[in-house]
């Protein structure tokens, strides 16, 4: 009592209407998702994050019964968090940055996609 399923492919080749304006179309070049600038920004952001975590470290004592005022240092309370936030913002910019495509490159990419 098995049901037979017929598979038919619809091969209607209707033209796709071009209703999108030039401003709405985005041209993506095939290949890597990020460019050289993105990777350089990411490396710079990682280095700034490492600097921020280095500034945040320290302030402890070897004897757990003693209290150390070094944990309330200006470097750990103010400077390190600001450096860390700057590093995370640079990482966000590195991920979101997309360079502007020149008009000649856009036309050549668009003509390649039409073919």
PDB file of N, CA and C in Angstrom:
ATOM      1  N   UNK A   1       0.807  -1.182   0.000  1.00  0.00           N
ATOM      2  CA  UNK A   1       0.000   0.000   0.000  1.00  0.00           C
ATOM      3  C   UNK A   1       0.860   1.260   0.000  1.00  0.00           C
ATOM      4  N   UNK A   2       1.971   1.178  -0.625  1.00  0.00           N
ATOM      5  CA  UNK A   2       2.847   2.339  -0.689  1.00  0.00           C
ATOM      6  C   UNK A   2       2.329   3.306  -1.736  1.00  0.00           C
ATOM      7  N   UNK A   3       2.395   4.555  -1.394  1.00  0.00           N
ATOM      8  CA  UNK A   3       1.957   5.591  -2.320  1.00  0.00           C
ATOM      9  C   UNK A   3       3.102   5.944  -3.249  1.00  0.00           C
ATOM     10  N   UNK A   4       2.790   6.087  -4.494  1.00  0.00           N
ATOM     11  CA  UNK A   4       3.822   6.513  -5.426  1.00  0.00           C
ATOM     12  C   UNK A   4       3.766   8.021  -5.571  1.00  0.00           C
ATOM     13  N   UNK A   5       4.923   8.606  -5.547  1.00  0.00           N
ATOM     14  CA  UNK A   5       5.020  10.059  -5.649  1.00  0.00           C
ATOM     15  C   UNK A   5       5.670  10.383  -6.975  1.00  0.00           C
ATOM     16  N   UNK A   6       4.991  11.185  -7.746  1.00  0.00           N
ATOM     17  CA  UNK A   6       5.568  11.585  -9.025  1.00  0.00           C
ATOM     18  C   UNK A   6       6.238  12.942  -8.866  1.00  0.00           C
ATOM     19  N   UNK A   7       7.416  13.004  -9.401  1.00  0.00           N
ATOM     20  CA  UNK A   7       8.148  14.269  -9.336  1.00  0.00           C
ATOM     21  C   UNK A   7       8.236  14.840 -10.734  1.00  0.00           C
ATOM     22  N   UNK A   8       7.709  16.014 -10.888  1.00  0.00           N
ATOM     23  CA  UNK A   8       7.790  16.707 -12.166  1.00  0.00           C
ATOM     24  C   UNK A   8       8.491  18.029 -11.948  1.00  0.00           C
ATOM     25  N   UNK A   9       9.351  18.323 -12.859  1.00  0.00           N
ATOM     26  CA  UNK A   9      10.066  19.590 -12.783  1.00  0.00           C
ATOM     27  C   UNK A   9       9.372  20.598 -13.672  1.00  0.00           C
ATOM     28  N   UNK A  10       9.131  21.745 -13.107  1.00  0.00           N
ATOM     29  CA  UNK A  10       8.537  22.823 -13.877  1.00  0.00           C
ATOM     30  C   UNK A  10       9.666  23.597 -14.533  1.00  0.00           C
ATOM     31  N   UNK A  11       9.665  23.597 -15.829  1.00  0.00           N
ATOM     32  CA  UNK A  11      10.764  24.240 -16.551  1.00  0.00           C
ATOM     33  C   UNK A  11      10.312  25.500 -17.265  1.00  0.00           C
ATOM     34  N   UNK A  12       9.344  26.170 -16.695  1.00  0.00           N
ATOM     35  CA  UNK A  12       8.912  27.414 -17.334  1.00  0.00           C
ATOM     36  C   UNK A  12       9.969  28.481 -17.097  1.00  0.00           C
ATOM     37  N   UNK A  13      10.421  29.061 -18.170  1.00  0.00           N
ATOM     38  CA  UNK A  13      11.468  30.076 -18.070  1.00  0.00           C
ATOM     39  C   UNK A  13      10.855  31.445 -18.307  1.00  0.00           C
ATOM     40  N   UNK A  14      10.251  31.945 -17.264  1.00  0.00           N
ATOM     41  CA  UNK A  14       9.671  33.282 -17.335  1.00  0.00           C
ATOM     42  C   UNK A  14      10.761  34.298 -17.025  1.00  0.00           C
ATOM     43  N   UNK A  15      10.766  35.396 -17.742  1.00  0.00           N
ATOM     44  CA  UNK A  15      11.778  36.420 -17.429  1.00  0.00           C
ATOM     45  C   UNK A  15      11.478  37.069 -16.081  1.00  0.00           C
ATOM     46  N   UNK A  16      12.513  37.321 -15.364  1.00  0.00           N
ATOM     47  CA  UNK A  16      12.374  37.963 -14.062  1.00  0.00           C
ATOM     48  C   UNK A  16      12.281  39.466 -14.288  1.00  0.00           C
ATOM     49  N   UNK A  17      11.211  40.088 -13.776  1.00  0.00           N
ATOM     50  CA  UNK A  17      11.076  41.530 -13.986  1.00  0.00           C
ATOM     51  C   UNK A  17      12.134  42.296 -13.209  1.00  0.00           C
ATOM     52  N   UNK A  18      12.646  43.324 -13.840  1.00  0.00           N
ATOM     53  CA  UNK A  18      13.657  44.153 -13.193  1.00  0.00           C
ATOM     54  C   UNK A  18      12.972  45.370 -12.591  1.00  0.00           C
ATOM     55  N   UNK A  19      12.502  45.191 -11.366  1.00  0.00           N
ATOM     56  CA  UNK A  19      11.793  46.267 -10.691  1.00  0.00           C
ATOM     57  C   UNK A  19      12.673  46.994  -9.694  1.00  0.00           C
ATOM     58  N   UNK A  20      13.813  46.433  -9.388  1.00  0.00           N
ATOM     59  CA  UNK A  20      14.683  47.059  -8.396  1.00  0.00           C
ATOM     60  C   UNK A  20      15.431  48.222  -9.032  1.00  0.00           C
ATOM     61  N   UNK A  21      15.499  49.298  -8.312  1.00  0.00           N
ATOM     62  CA  UNK A  21      16.225  50.460  -8.828  1.00  0.00           C
ATOM     63  C   UNK A  21      17.724  50.253  -8.640  1.00  0.00           C
ATOM     64  N   UNK A  22      18.503  51.136  -9.218  1.00  0.00           N
ATOM     65  CA  UNK A  22      19.951  51.008  -9.146  1.00  0.00           C
ATOM     66  C   UNK A  22      20.449  51.177  -7.706  1.00  0.00           C
ATOM     67  N   UNK A  23      19.761  51.993  -6.925  1.00  0.00           N
ATOM     68  CA  UNK A  23      20.180  52.200  -5.549  1.00  0.00           C
ATOM     69  C   UNK A  23      19.929  50.963  -4.694  1.00  0.00           C
ATOM     70  N   UNK A  24      18.929  50.171  -5.040  1.00  0.00           N
ATOM     71  CA  UNK A  24      18.576  49.019  -4.226  1.00  0.00           C
ATOM     72  C   UNK A  24      19.436  47.801  -4.531  1.00  0.00           C
ATOM     73  N   UNK A  25      19.970  47.723  -5.704  1.00  0.00           N
ATOM     74  CA  UNK A  25      20.764  46.550  -6.051  1.00  0.00           C
ATOM     75  C   UNK A  25      22.149  46.668  -5.431  1.00  0.00           C
ATOM     76  N   UNK A  26      22.574  45.594  -4.827  1.00  0.00           N
ATOM     77  CA  UNK A  26      23.919  45.570  -4.276  1.00  0.00           C
ATOM     78  C   UNK A  26      24.725  44.556  -5.069  1.00  0.00           C
ATOM     79  N   UNK A  27      25.935  44.922  -5.352  1.00  0.00           N
ATOM     80  CA  UNK A  27      26.800  44.076  -6.163  1.00  0.00           C
ATOM     81  C   UNK A  27      27.831  43.449  -5.233  1.00  0.00           C
ATOM     82  N   UNK A  28      27.845  42.143  -5.183  1.00  0.00           N
ATOM     83  CA  UNK A  28      28.807  41.421  -4.356  1.00  0.00           C
ATOM     84  C   UNK A  28      29.760  40.684  -5.266  1.00  0.00           C
ATOM     85  N   UNK A  29      31.006  40.926  -5.072  1.00  0.00           N
ATOM     86  CA  UNK A  29      32.015  40.221  -5.850  1.00  0.00           C
ATOM     87  C   UNK A  29      32.213  38.836  -5.238  1.00  0.00           C
ATOM     88  N   UNK A  30      32.332  37.828  -6.062  1.00  0.00           N
ATOM     89  CA  UNK A  30      32.560  36.488  -5.516  1.00  0.00           C
ATOM     90  C   UNK A  30      33.943  36.396  -4.899  1.00  0.00           C
ATOM     91  N   UNK A  31      34.067  35.536  -3.908  1.00  0.00           N
ATOM     92  CA  UNK A  31      35.374  35.346  -3.286  1.00  0.00           C
ATOM     93  C   UNK A  31      35.302  35.529  -1.789  1.00  0.00           C
ATOM     94  N   UNK A  32      36.322  36.129  -1.248  1.00  0.00           N
ATOM     95  CA  UNK A  32      36.443  36.298   0.195  1.00  0.00           C
ATOM     96  C   UNK A  32      35.401  37.277   0.721  1.00  0.00           C
ATOM     97  N   UNK A  33      34.831  36.995   1.895  1.00  0.00           N
ATOM     98  CA  UNK A  33      33.830  37.912   2.443  1.00  0.00           C
ATOM     99  C   UNK A  33      34.418  39.218   2.963  1.00  0.00           C
ATOM    100  N   UNK A  34      35.681  39.186   3.360  1.00  0.00           N
ATOM    101  CA  UNK A  34      36.349  40.378   3.868  1.00  0.00           C
ATOM    102  C   UNK A  34      37.522  40.719   2.974  1.00  0.00           C
ATOM    103  N   UNK A  35      37.843  42.009   2.936  1.00  0.00           N
ATOM    104  CA  UNK A  35      38.992  42.464   2.168  1.00  0.00           C
ATOM    105  C   UNK A  35      40.202  42.662   3.060  1.00  0.00           C
ATOM    106  N   UNK A  36      41.257  43.191   2.461  1.00  0.00           N
ATOM    107  CA  UNK A  36      42.501  43.409   3.188  1.00  0.00           C
ATOM    108  C   UNK A  36      42.306  44.413   4.320  1.00  0.00           C
ATOM    109  N   UNK A  37      41.512  45.441   4.066  1.00  0.00           N
ATOM    110  CA  UNK A  37      41.277  46.464   5.091  1.00  0.00           C
ATOM    111  C   UNK A  37      40.565  45.860   6.297  1.00  0.00           C
ATOM    112  N   UNK A  38      39.592  44.968   6.041  1.00  0.00           N
ATOM    113  CA  UNK A  38      38.873  44.332   7.136  1.00  0.00           C
ATOM    114  C   UNK A  38      39.825  43.529   8.033  1.00  0.00           C
ATOM    115  N   UNK A  39      40.694  42.763   7.405  1.00  0.00           N
ATOM    116  CA  UNK A  39      41.619  41.947   8.196  1.00  0.00           C
ATOM    117  C   UNK A  39      42.625  42.808   8.955  1.00  0.00           C
ATOM    118  N   UNK A  40      43.085  43.898   8.363  1.00  0.00           N
ATOM    119  CA  UNK A  40      43.999  44.787   9.074  1.00  0.00           C
ATOM    120  C   UNK A  40      43.309  45.433  10.272  1.00  0.00           C
ATOM    121  N   UNK A  41      42.045  45.833  10.111  1.00  0.00           N
ATOM    122  CA  UNK A  41      41.292  46.394  11.233  1.00  0.00           C
ATOM    123  C   UNK A  41      41.077  45.350  12.330  1.00  0.00           C
ATOM    124  N   UNK A  42      40.819  44.100  11.933  1.00  0.00           N
ATOM    125  CA  UNK A  42      40.632  43.042  12.927  1.00  0.00           C
ATOM    126  C   UNK A  42      41.908  42.796  13.720  1.00  0.00           C
ATOM    127  N   UNK A  43      43.036  42.772  13.042  1.00  0.00           N
ATOM    128  CA  UNK A  43      44.307  42.568  13.745  1.00  0.00           C
ATOM    129  C   UNK A  43      44.589  43.735  14.686  1.00  0.00           C
ATOM    130  N   UNK A  44      44.324  44.962  14.229  1.00  0.00           N
ATOM    131  CA  UNK A  44      44.508  46.127  15.095  1.00  0.00           C
ATOM    132  C   UNK A  44      43.592  46.085  16.305  1.00  0.00           C
ATOM    133  N   UNK A  45      42.338  45.679  16.100  1.00  0.00           N
ATOM    134  CA  UNK A  45      41.398  45.565  17.216  1.00  0.00           C
ATOM    135  C   UNK A  45      41.820  44.507  18.216  1.00  0.00           C
ATOM    136  N   UNK A  46      42.338  43.389  17.726  1.00  0.00           N
ATOM    137  CA  UNK A  46      42.796  42.328  18.626  1.00  0.00           C
ATOM    138  C   UNK A  46      43.997  42.811  19.444  1.00  0.00           C
ATOM    139  N   UNK A  47      44.905  43.542  18.800  1.00  0.00           N
ATOM    140  CA  UNK A  47      46.059  44.065  19.538  1.00  0.00           C
ATOM    141  C   UNK A  47      45.621  45.059  20.617  1.00  0.00           C
ATOM    142  N   UNK A  48      44.649  45.897  20.319  1.00  0.00           N
ATOM    143  CA  UNK A  48      44.150  46.853  21.319  1.00  0.00           C
ATOM    144  C   UNK A  48      43.425  46.114  22.445  1.00  0.00           C
ATOM    145  N   UNK A  49      42.692  45.048  22.106  1.00  0.00           N
ATOM    146  CA  UNK A  49      42.050  44.247  23.155  1.00  0.00           C
ATOM    147  C   UNK A  49      43.089  43.592  24.063  1.00  0.00           C
ATOM    148  N   UNK A  50      44.155  43.066  23.477  1.00  0.00           N
ATOM    149  CA  UNK A  50      45.210  42.467  24.299  1.00  0.00           C
ATOM    150  C   UNK A  50      45.845  43.503  25.222  1.00  0.00           C
ATOM    151  N   UNK A  51      46.053  44.717  24.707  1.00  0.00           N
ATOM    152  CA  UNK A  51      46.577  45.789  25.546  1.00  0.00           C
ATOM    153  C   UNK A  51      45.616  46.103  26.693  1.00  0.00           C
ATOM    154  N   UNK A  52      44.322  46.151  26.400  1.00  0.00           N
ATOM    155  CA  UNK A  52      43.337  46.424  27.445  1.00  0.00           C
ATOM    156  C   UNK A  52      43.306  45.353  28.521  1.00  0.00           C
ATOM    157  N   UNK A  53      43.389  44.081  28.121  1.00  0.00           N
ATOM    158  CA  UNK A  53      43.415  43.006  29.115  1.00  0.00           C
ATOM    159  C   UNK A  53      44.716  43.007  29.905  1.00  0.00           C
ATOM    160  N   UNK A  54      45.816  43.392  29.263  1.00  0.00           N
ATOM    161  CA  UNK A  54      47.079  43.509  29.984  1.00  0.00           C
ATOM    162  C   UNK A  54      46.988  44.614  31.043  1.00  0.00           C
ATOM    163  N   UNK A  55      46.358  45.747  30.677  1.00  0.00           N
ATOM    164  CA  UNK A  55      46.195  46.839  31.647  1.00  0.00           C
ATOM    165  C   UNK A  55      45.261  46.446  32.790  1.00  0.00           C
ATOM    166  N   UNK A  56      44.340  45.544  32.518  1.00  0.00           N
ATOM    167  CA  UNK A  56      43.364  45.124  33.517  1.00  0.00           C
ATOM    168  C   UNK A  56      43.960  44.139  34.517  1.00  0.00           C
ATOM    169  N   UNK A  57      44.995  43.441  34.137  1.00  0.00           N
ATOM    170  CA  UNK A  57      45.572  42.386  34.976  1.00  0.00           C
ATOM    171  C   UNK A  57      46.327  42.963  36.164  1.00  0.00           C
ATOM    172  N   UNK A  58      46.518  42.117  37.169  1.00  0.00           N
ATOM    173  CA  UNK A  58      47.335  42.471  38.326  1.00  0.00           C
ATOM    174  C   UNK A  58      46.498  42.952  39.496  1.00  0.00           C
ATOM    175  N   UNK A  59      47.179  43.433  40.510  1.00  0.00           N
ATOM    176  CA  UNK A  59      46.508  44.001  41.672  1.00  0.00           C
ATOM    177  C   UNK A  59      46.236  43.011  42.784  1.00  0.00           C
ATOM    178  N   UNK A  60      46.709  41.800  42.662  1.00  0.00           N
ATOM    179  CA  UNK A  60      46.474  40.803  43.703  1.00  0.00           C
ATOM    180  C   UNK A  60      47.629  40.745  44.691  1.00  0.00           C
ATOM    181  N   UNK A  61      47.446  39.961  45.726  1.00  0.00           N
ATOM    182  CA  UNK A  61      48.507  39.749  46.707  1.00  0.00           C
ATOM    183  C   UNK A  61      48.808  38.268  46.796  1.00  0.00           C
ATOM    184  N   UNK A  62      49.977  37.960  47.319  1.00  0.00           N
ATOM    185  CA  UNK A  62      50.353  36.561  47.516  1.00  0.00           C
ATOM    186  C   UNK A  62      49.698  35.988  48.764  1.00  0.00           C
ATOM    187  N   UNK A  63      49.433  36.827  49.752  1.00  0.00           N
ATOM    188  CA  UNK A  63      48.833  36.379  51.005  1.00  0.00           C
ATOM    189  C   UNK A  63      47.334  36.690  50.972  1.00  0.00           C
ATOM    190  N   UNK A  64      46.469  35.687  51.063  1.00  0.00           N
ATOM    191  CA  UNK A  64      45.025  35.962  50.988  1.00  0.00           C
ATOM    192  C   UNK A  64      44.461  36.686  52.203  1.00  0.00           C
ATOM    193  N   UNK A  65      45.205  36.793  53.277  1.00  0.00           N
ATOM    194  CA  UNK A  65      44.699  37.495  54.454  1.00  0.00           C
ATOM    195  C   UNK A  65      44.957  38.996  54.393  1.00  0.00           C
ATOM    196  N   UNK A  66      45.775  39.445  53.451  1.00  0.00           N
ATOM    197  CA  UNK A  66      46.063  40.864  53.316  1.00  0.00           C
ATOM    198  C   UNK A  66      45.205  41.478  52.226  1.00  0.00           C
ATOM    199  N   UNK A  67      44.803  42.719  52.434  1.00  0.00           N
ATOM    200  CA  UNK A  67      44.025  43.450  51.443  1.00  0.00           C
ATOM    201  C   UNK A  67      44.946  44.386  50.674  1.00  0.00           C
ATOM    202  N   UNK A  68      44.772  44.415  49.363  1.00  0.00           N
ATOM    203  CA  UNK A  68      45.627  45.247  48.535  1.00  0.00           C
ATOM    204  C   UNK A  68      44.792  46.359  47.900  1.00  0.00           C
ATOM    205  N   UNK A  69      45.226  47.600  48.055  1.00  0.00           N
ATOM    206  CA  UNK A  69      44.544  48.741  47.442  1.00  0.00           C
ATOM    207  C   UNK A  69      44.822  48.836  45.946  1.00  0.00           C
ATOM    208  N   UNK A  70      45.722  48.003  45.427  1.00  0.00           N
ATOM    209  CA  UNK A  70      46.114  48.071  44.022  1.00  0.00           C
ATOM    210  C   UNK A  70      44.962  47.691  43.090  1.00  0.00           C
ATOM    211  N   UNK A  71      43.948  46.996  43.606  1.00  0.00           N
ATOM    212  CA  UNK A  71      42.831  46.624  42.725  1.00  0.00           C
ATOM    213  C   UNK A  71      41.964  47.834  42.386  1.00  0.00           C
ATOM    214  N   UNK A  72      42.093  48.898  43.150  1.00  0.00           N
ATOM    215  CA  UNK A  72      41.319  50.113  42.886  1.00  0.00           C
ATOM    216  C   UNK A  72      42.156  51.178  42.185  1.00  0.00           C
ATOM    217  N   UNK A  73      43.161  50.770  41.484  1.00  0.00           N
ATOM    218  CA  UNK A  73      44.037  51.675  40.757  1.00  0.00           C
ATOM    219  C   UNK A  73      43.275  52.296  39.575  1.00  0.00           C
ATOM    220  N   UNK A  74      43.653  53.516  39.205  1.00  0.00           N
ATOM    221  CA  UNK A  74      43.012  54.210  38.078  1.00  0.00           C
ATOM    222  C   UNK A  74      43.181  53.437  36.782  1.00  0.00           C
ATOM    223  N   UNK A  75      44.314  52.791  36.626  1.00  0.00           N
ATOM    224  CA  UNK A  75      44.572  52.016  35.414  1.00  0.00           C
ATOM    225  C   UNK A  75      43.551  50.894  35.254  1.00  0.00           C
ATOM    226  N   UNK A  76      43.211  50.201  36.336  1.00  0.00           N
ATOM    227  CA  UNK A  76      42.292  49.070  36.265  1.00  0.00           C
ATOM    228  C   UNK A  76      40.829  49.502  36.243  1.00  0.00           C
ATOM    229  N   UNK A  77      40.499  50.603  36.868  1.00  0.00           N
ATOM    230  CA  UNK A  77      39.094  51.028  36.944  1.00  0.00           C
ATOM    231  C   UNK A  77      38.640  51.878  35.767  1.00  0.00           C
ATOM    232  N   UNK A  78      39.528  52.650  35.173  1.00  0.00           N
ATOM    233  CA  UNK A  78      39.110  53.593  34.143  1.00  0.00           C
ATOM    234  C   UNK A  78      39.796  53.370  32.790  1.00  0.00           C
ATOM    235  N   UNK A  79      41.108  53.269  32.800  1.00  0.00           N
ATOM    236  CA  UNK A  79      41.844  53.214  31.536  1.00  0.00           C
ATOM    237  C   UNK A  79      41.615  51.889  30.816  1.00  0.00           C
ATOM    238  N   UNK A  80      41.750  50.772  31.515  1.00  0.00           N
ATOM    239  CA  UNK A  80      41.604  49.456  30.874  1.00  0.00           C
ATOM    240  C   UNK A  80      40.207  49.248  30.281  1.00  0.00           C
ATOM    241  N   UNK A  81      39.117  49.566  30.993  1.00  0.00           N
ATOM    242  CA  UNK A  81      37.799  49.387  30.368  1.00  0.00           C
ATOM    243  C   UNK A  81      37.585  50.271  29.133  1.00  0.00           C
ATOM    244  N   UNK A  82      38.131  51.482  29.155  1.00  0.00           N
ATOM    245  CA  UNK A  82      37.985  52.367  27.988  1.00  0.00           C
ATOM    246  C   UNK A  82      38.752  51.795  26.798  1.00  0.00           C
ATOM    247  N   UNK A  83      39.953  51.277  27.041  1.00  0.00           N
ATOM    248  CA  UNK A  83      40.741  50.666  25.965  1.00  0.00           C
ATOM    249  C   UNK A  83      40.027  49.432  25.427  1.00  0.00           C
ATOM    250  N   UNK A  84      39.413  48.648  26.302  1.00  0.00           N
ATOM    251  CA  UNK A  84      38.681  47.459  25.858  1.00  0.00           C
ATOM    252  C   UNK A  84      37.469  47.829  25.001  1.00  0.00           C
ATOM    253  N   UNK A  85      36.740  48.843  25.399  1.00  0.00           N
ATOM    254  CA  UNK A  85      35.575  49.270  24.609  1.00  0.00           C
ATOM    255  C   UNK A  85      36.023  49.764  23.237  1.00  0.00           C
ATOM    256  N   UNK A  86      37.113  50.505  23.190  1.00  0.00           N
ATOM    257  CA  UNK A  86      37.644  50.967  21.897  1.00  0.00           C
ATOM    258  C   UNK A  86      38.034  49.773  21.029  1.00  0.00           C
ATOM    259  N   UNK A  87      38.659  48.759  21.623  1.00  0.00           N
ATOM    260  CA  UNK A  87      39.039  47.564  20.877  1.00  0.00           C
ATOM    261  C   UNK A  87      37.829  46.832  20.321  1.00  0.00           C
ATOM    262  N   UNK A  88      36.758  46.701  21.128  1.00  0.00           N
ATOM    263  CA  UNK A  88      35.554  46.029  20.642  1.00  0.00           C
ATOM    264  C   UNK A  88      34.859  46.846  19.553  1.00  0.00           C
ATOM    265  N   UNK A  89      34.896  48.162  19.658  1.00  0.00           N
ATOM    266  CA  UNK A  89      34.314  48.995  18.596  1.00  0.00           C
ATOM    267  C   UNK A  89      35.096  48.866  17.291  1.00  0.00           C
ATOM    268  N   UNK A  90      36.409  48.767  17.393  1.00  0.00           N
ATOM    269  CA  UNK A  90      37.220  48.569  16.184  1.00  0.00           C
ATOM    270  C   UNK A  90      36.890  47.221  15.556  1.00  0.00           C
ATOM    271  N   UNK A  91      36.690  46.191  16.367  1.00  0.00           N
ATOM    272  CA  UNK A  91      36.303  44.882  15.831  1.00  0.00           C
ATOM    273  C   UNK A  91      34.944  44.952  15.134  1.00  0.00           C
ATOM    274  N   UNK A  92      34.011  45.684  15.700  1.00  0.00           N
ATOM    275  CA  UNK A  92      32.691  45.844  15.080  1.00  0.00           C
ATOM    276  C   UNK A  92      32.813  46.550  13.734  1.00  0.00           C
ATOM    277  N   UNK A  93      33.610  47.599  13.684  1.00  0.00           N
ATOM    278  CA  UNK A  93      33.821  48.317  12.427  1.00  0.00           C
ATOM    279  C   UNK A  93      34.508  47.404  11.410  1.00  0.00           C
ATOM    280  N   UNK A  94      35.456  46.591  11.859  1.00  0.00           N
ATOM    281  CA  UNK A  94      36.170  45.692  10.955  1.00  0.00           C
ATOM    282  C   UNK A  94      35.223  44.678  10.324  1.00  0.00           C
ATOM    283  N   UNK A  95      34.236  44.238  11.060  1.00  0.00           N
ATOM    284  CA  UNK A  95      33.276  43.270  10.525  1.00  0.00           C
ATOM    285  C   UNK A  95      32.279  43.946   9.598  1.00  0.00           C
ATOM    286  N   UNK A  96      31.831  45.128   9.953  1.00  0.00           N
ATOM    287  CA  UNK A  96      30.764  45.790   9.196  1.00  0.00           C
ATOM    288  C   UNK A  96      31.273  46.598   8.003  1.00  0.00           C
ATOM    289  N   UNK A  97      32.551  46.904   7.935  1.00  0.00           N
ATOM    290  CA  UNK A  97      33.088  47.773   6.885  1.00  0.00           C
ATOM    291  C   UNK A  97      33.011  47.092   5.523  1.00  0.00           C
ATOM    292  N   UNK A  98      32.500  47.831   4.557  1.00  0.00           N
ATOM    293  CA  UNK A  98      32.468  47.367   3.167  1.00  0.00           C
ATOM    294  C   UNK A  98      32.929  48.518   2.298  1.00  0.00           C
ATOM    295  N   UNK A  99      34.041  48.348   1.596  1.00  0.00           N
ATOM    296  CA  UNK A  99      34.560  49.464   0.802  1.00  0.00           C
ATOM    297  C   UNK A  99      33.619  49.816  -0.336  1.00  0.00           C
ATOM    298  N   UNK A 100      33.624  51.077  -0.705  1.00  0.00           N
ATOM    299  CA  UNK A 100      32.793  51.533  -1.813  1.00  0.00           C
ATOM    300  C   UNK A 100      33.386  51.027  -3.119  1.00  0.00           C
ATOM    301  N   UNK A 101      32.496  50.577  -4.009  1.00  0.00           N
ATOM    302  CA  UNK A 101      32.929  50.076  -5.307  1.00  0.00           C
ATOM    303  C   UNK A 101      32.872  51.219  -6.298  1.00  0.00           C
ATOM    304  N   UNK A 102      33.937  51.387  -7.064  1.00  0.00           N
ATOM    305  CA  UNK A 102      33.952  52.430  -8.077  1.00  0.00           C
ATOM    306  C   UNK A 102      32.963  52.081  -9.173  1.00  0.00           C
ATOM    307  N   UNK A 103      32.489  53.091  -9.886  1.00  0.00           N
ATOM    308  CA  UNK A 103      31.450  52.900 -10.895  1.00  0.00           C
ATOM    309  C   UNK A 103      31.911  51.975 -12.023  1.00  0.00           C
ATOM    310  N   UNK A 104      33.187  52.069 -12.415  1.00  0.00           N
ATOM    311  CA  UNK A 104      33.677  51.213 -13.496  1.00  0.00           C
ATOM    312  C   UNK A 104      33.663  49.749 -13.064  1.00  0.00           C
ATOM    313  N   UNK A 105      34.100  49.482 -11.810  1.00  0.00           N
ATOM    314  CA  UNK A 105      34.109  48.117 -11.308  1.00  0.00           C
ATOM    315  C   UNK A 105      32.689  47.586 -11.181  1.00  0.00           C
ATOM    316  N   UNK A 106      31.762  48.448 -10.741  1.00  0.00           N
ATOM    317  CA  UNK A 106      30.374  48.041 -10.588  1.00  0.00           C
ATOM    318  C   UNK A 106      29.771  47.658 -11.936  1.00  0.00           C
ATOM    319  N   UNK A 107      30.074  48.446 -12.966  1.00  0.00           N
ATOM    320  CA  UNK A 107      29.555  48.142 -14.296  1.00  0.00           C
ATOM    321  C   UNK A 107      30.139  46.844 -14.838  1.00  0.00           C
ATOM    322  N   UNK A 108      31.438  46.600 -14.600  1.00  0.00           N
ATOM    323  CA  UNK A 108      32.047  45.376 -15.102  1.00  0.00           C
ATOM    324  C   UNK A 108      31.509  44.154 -14.376  1.00  0.00           C
ATOM    325  N   UNK A 109      31.288  44.270 -13.069  1.00  0.00           N
ATOM    326  CA  UNK A 109      30.735  43.148 -12.303  1.00  0.00           C
ATOM    327  C   UNK A 109      29.299  42.881 -12.716  1.00  0.00           C
ATOM    328  N   UNK A 110      28.518  43.961 -12.930  1.00  0.00           N
ATOM    329  CA  UNK A 110      27.127  43.804 -13.344  1.00  0.00           C
ATOM    330  C   UNK A 110      27.047  43.167 -14.727  1.00  0.00           C
ATOM    331  N   UNK A 111      27.961  43.518 -15.631  1.00  0.00           N
ATOM    332  CA  UNK A 111      27.933  42.921 -16.982  1.00  0.00           C
ATOM    333  C   UNK A 111      28.344  41.445 -16.913  1.00  0.00           C
ATOM    334  N   UNK A 112      29.237  41.088 -16.016  1.00  0.00           N
ATOM    335  CA  UNK A 112      29.621  39.680 -15.848  1.00  0.00           C
ATOM    336  C   UNK A 112      28.466  38.869 -15.294  1.00  0.00           C
ATOM    337  N   UNK A 113      27.681  39.455 -14.392  1.00  0.00           N
ATOM    338  CA  UNK A 113      26.564  38.743 -13.804  1.00  0.00           C
ATOM    339  C   UNK A 113      25.430  38.532 -14.807  1.00  0.00           C
ATOM    340  N   UNK A 114      25.292  39.415 -15.789  1.00  0.00           N
ATOM    341  CA  UNK A 114      24.228  39.287 -16.782  1.00  0.00           C
ATOM    342  C   UNK A 114      24.502  38.155 -17.752  1.00  0.00           C
ATOM    343  N   UNK A 115      25.762  37.866 -17.988  1.00  0.00           N
ATOM    344  CA  UNK A 115      26.116  36.839 -18.972  1.00  0.00           C
ATOM    345  C   UNK A 115      25.876  35.467 -18.489  1.00  0.00           C
TER     346      UNK A 115
END
